[in-house]
Protein backbone atom coordinates (compact mmCIF):
# COMPACT_ATOMS: atom_id res chain seq x y z
CA MET A 1 -70.35 -6.73 77.55
CA ASP A 2 -72.01 -6.33 80.93
CA LYS A 3 -74.50 -8.90 82.17
CA ILE A 4 -77.51 -8.08 80.02
CA TRP A 5 -80.14 -8.91 82.67
CA TRP A 6 -78.90 -5.99 84.80
CA ASN A 7 -79.34 -3.54 81.95
CA GLU A 8 -82.75 -4.96 81.07
CA LEU A 9 -83.84 -4.62 84.70
CA TRP A 10 -83.34 -0.84 84.57
CA LEU A 11 -83.50 0.02 80.87
CA GLY A 12 -86.16 -2.42 79.74
CA TYR A 13 -86.53 -4.72 76.83
CA PRO A 14 -86.30 -4.70 73.87
CA VAL A 15 -82.92 -3.06 73.51
CA GLY A 16 -83.40 0.48 72.22
CA ASP A 17 -81.74 3.88 72.03
CA GLN A 18 -81.72 4.15 75.84
CA TYR A 19 -78.80 1.68 75.95
CA LYS A 20 -76.64 3.88 73.72
CA GLU A 21 -77.77 7.09 75.48
CA GLY A 22 -76.63 5.68 78.84
CA SER A 23 -73.38 4.17 77.59
CA ASN A 24 -70.13 5.30 79.23
CA VAL A 25 -68.37 4.42 75.99
CA GLU A 26 -70.68 6.61 73.91
CA ASN A 27 -70.52 9.46 76.43
CA ALA A 28 -66.79 9.38 77.25
CA HIS A 29 -66.20 12.52 75.20
CA LEU A 30 -68.44 14.45 77.64
CA LEU A 31 -66.12 13.92 80.62
CA SER A 32 -65.44 17.26 82.26
CA ARG A 33 -64.27 16.33 85.76
CA PRO A 34 -61.39 14.28 87.14
CA LEU A 35 -61.99 10.54 86.86
CA MET A 36 -60.35 7.56 88.51
CA LEU A 37 -61.28 4.06 87.39
CA VAL A 38 -60.56 1.03 89.60
CA VAL A 39 -60.79 -2.48 88.16
CA GLY A 40 -59.95 -5.88 89.56
CA GLU A 41 -58.05 -8.08 87.14
CA LEU A 42 -60.36 -11.02 87.88
CA ASP A 43 -63.64 -9.09 88.17
CA ASP A 44 -66.43 -11.56 87.39
CA ASN A 45 -69.19 -9.00 87.93
CA VAL A 46 -68.15 -6.37 85.39
CA ASP A 47 -65.82 -7.83 82.79
CA PRO A 48 -62.55 -5.84 82.80
CA ALA A 49 -62.91 -5.71 79.00
CA SER A 50 -65.88 -3.38 79.57
CA THR A 51 -63.63 -1.03 81.52
CA MET A 52 -61.07 -1.21 78.73
CA GLN A 53 -63.76 -0.15 76.22
CA VAL A 54 -64.44 2.96 78.34
CA ILE A 55 -60.70 3.64 78.63
CA ASN A 56 -60.31 3.34 74.86
CA ALA A 57 -63.14 5.84 74.33
CA LEU A 58 -61.58 8.24 76.85
CA ILE A 59 -58.22 8.03 75.09
CA LYS A 60 -59.82 8.60 71.68
CA ALA A 61 -61.62 11.65 73.13
CA ASN A 62 -58.30 12.93 74.56
CA LYS A 63 -59.67 12.86 78.12
CA ASP A 64 -57.43 12.70 81.17
CA PHE A 65 -58.15 9.99 83.75
CA GLU A 66 -56.43 7.74 86.25
CA LEU A 67 -56.59 3.96 86.08
CA VAL A 68 -55.91 1.61 88.99
CA VAL A 69 -55.74 -2.09 88.15
CA ILE A 70 -55.67 -4.46 91.10
CA PRO A 71 -53.92 -7.72 90.09
CA GLY A 72 -55.62 -10.86 91.34
CA ALA A 73 -58.66 -8.93 92.63
CA HIS A 74 -62.29 -9.55 91.79
CA HIS A 75 -65.08 -6.91 91.84
CA THR A 76 -63.58 -4.44 94.29
CA MET A 77 -62.83 -0.88 95.26
CA GLY A 78 -59.21 -1.91 95.59
CA GLU A 79 -58.86 -3.00 99.20
CA ASP A 80 -56.13 -1.14 101.13
CA PHE A 81 -54.26 -0.12 97.97
CA GLY A 82 -57.46 1.26 96.46
CA GLU A 83 -58.25 3.14 99.68
CA HIS A 84 -54.91 4.94 99.44
CA LYS A 85 -55.36 5.68 95.75
CA ARG A 86 -58.90 7.07 96.32
CA TYR A 87 -57.74 9.15 99.28
CA ASP A 88 -54.90 10.61 97.21
CA PHE A 89 -57.21 11.27 94.25
CA PHE A 90 -59.78 13.15 96.33
CA VAL A 91 -57.18 15.13 98.28
CA ARG A 92 -55.56 16.26 95.01
CA HIS A 93 -58.80 17.08 93.21
CA LEU A 94 -61.08 18.34 95.98
CA MET A 95 -58.63 19.93 98.40
CA GLN A 96 -56.18 20.99 95.68
CA VAL A 97 -53.16 19.91 97.73
CA ASN A 98 -50.67 17.08 97.49
CA PRO A 99 -51.53 14.14 99.75
CA PRO A 100 -48.98 13.00 102.34
CA LYS A 101 -46.52 10.32 101.30
CA TRP A 102 -47.83 6.86 102.14
CA GLU A 103 -44.78 5.97 104.20
CA GLU A 104 -45.39 9.07 106.36
CA ILE A 105 -48.94 8.00 107.28
CA LYS A 106 -49.00 6.25 110.63
């Protein structure tokens, strides 16, 4: 569902096994680390439906992940809201502590 020219640029043409071998959908069952996905509702670079395909594969593989959907946003890391969510995610998973409450951050 991604823009095919991008894949062809790196994976070549014609379409072969390398597309399946590099697919996040096909490889979702291999997830072994914490994962947070961020998607803008109006992303016109990577169709949000592509992200949903990965999410569906993760769910079918019984993998734990976090999903952040930014309403009204295009291709983004989530602006200020996403910054907070990423900070919290990395503090929890890398430092193994609970992040401070947002309202306590000055």
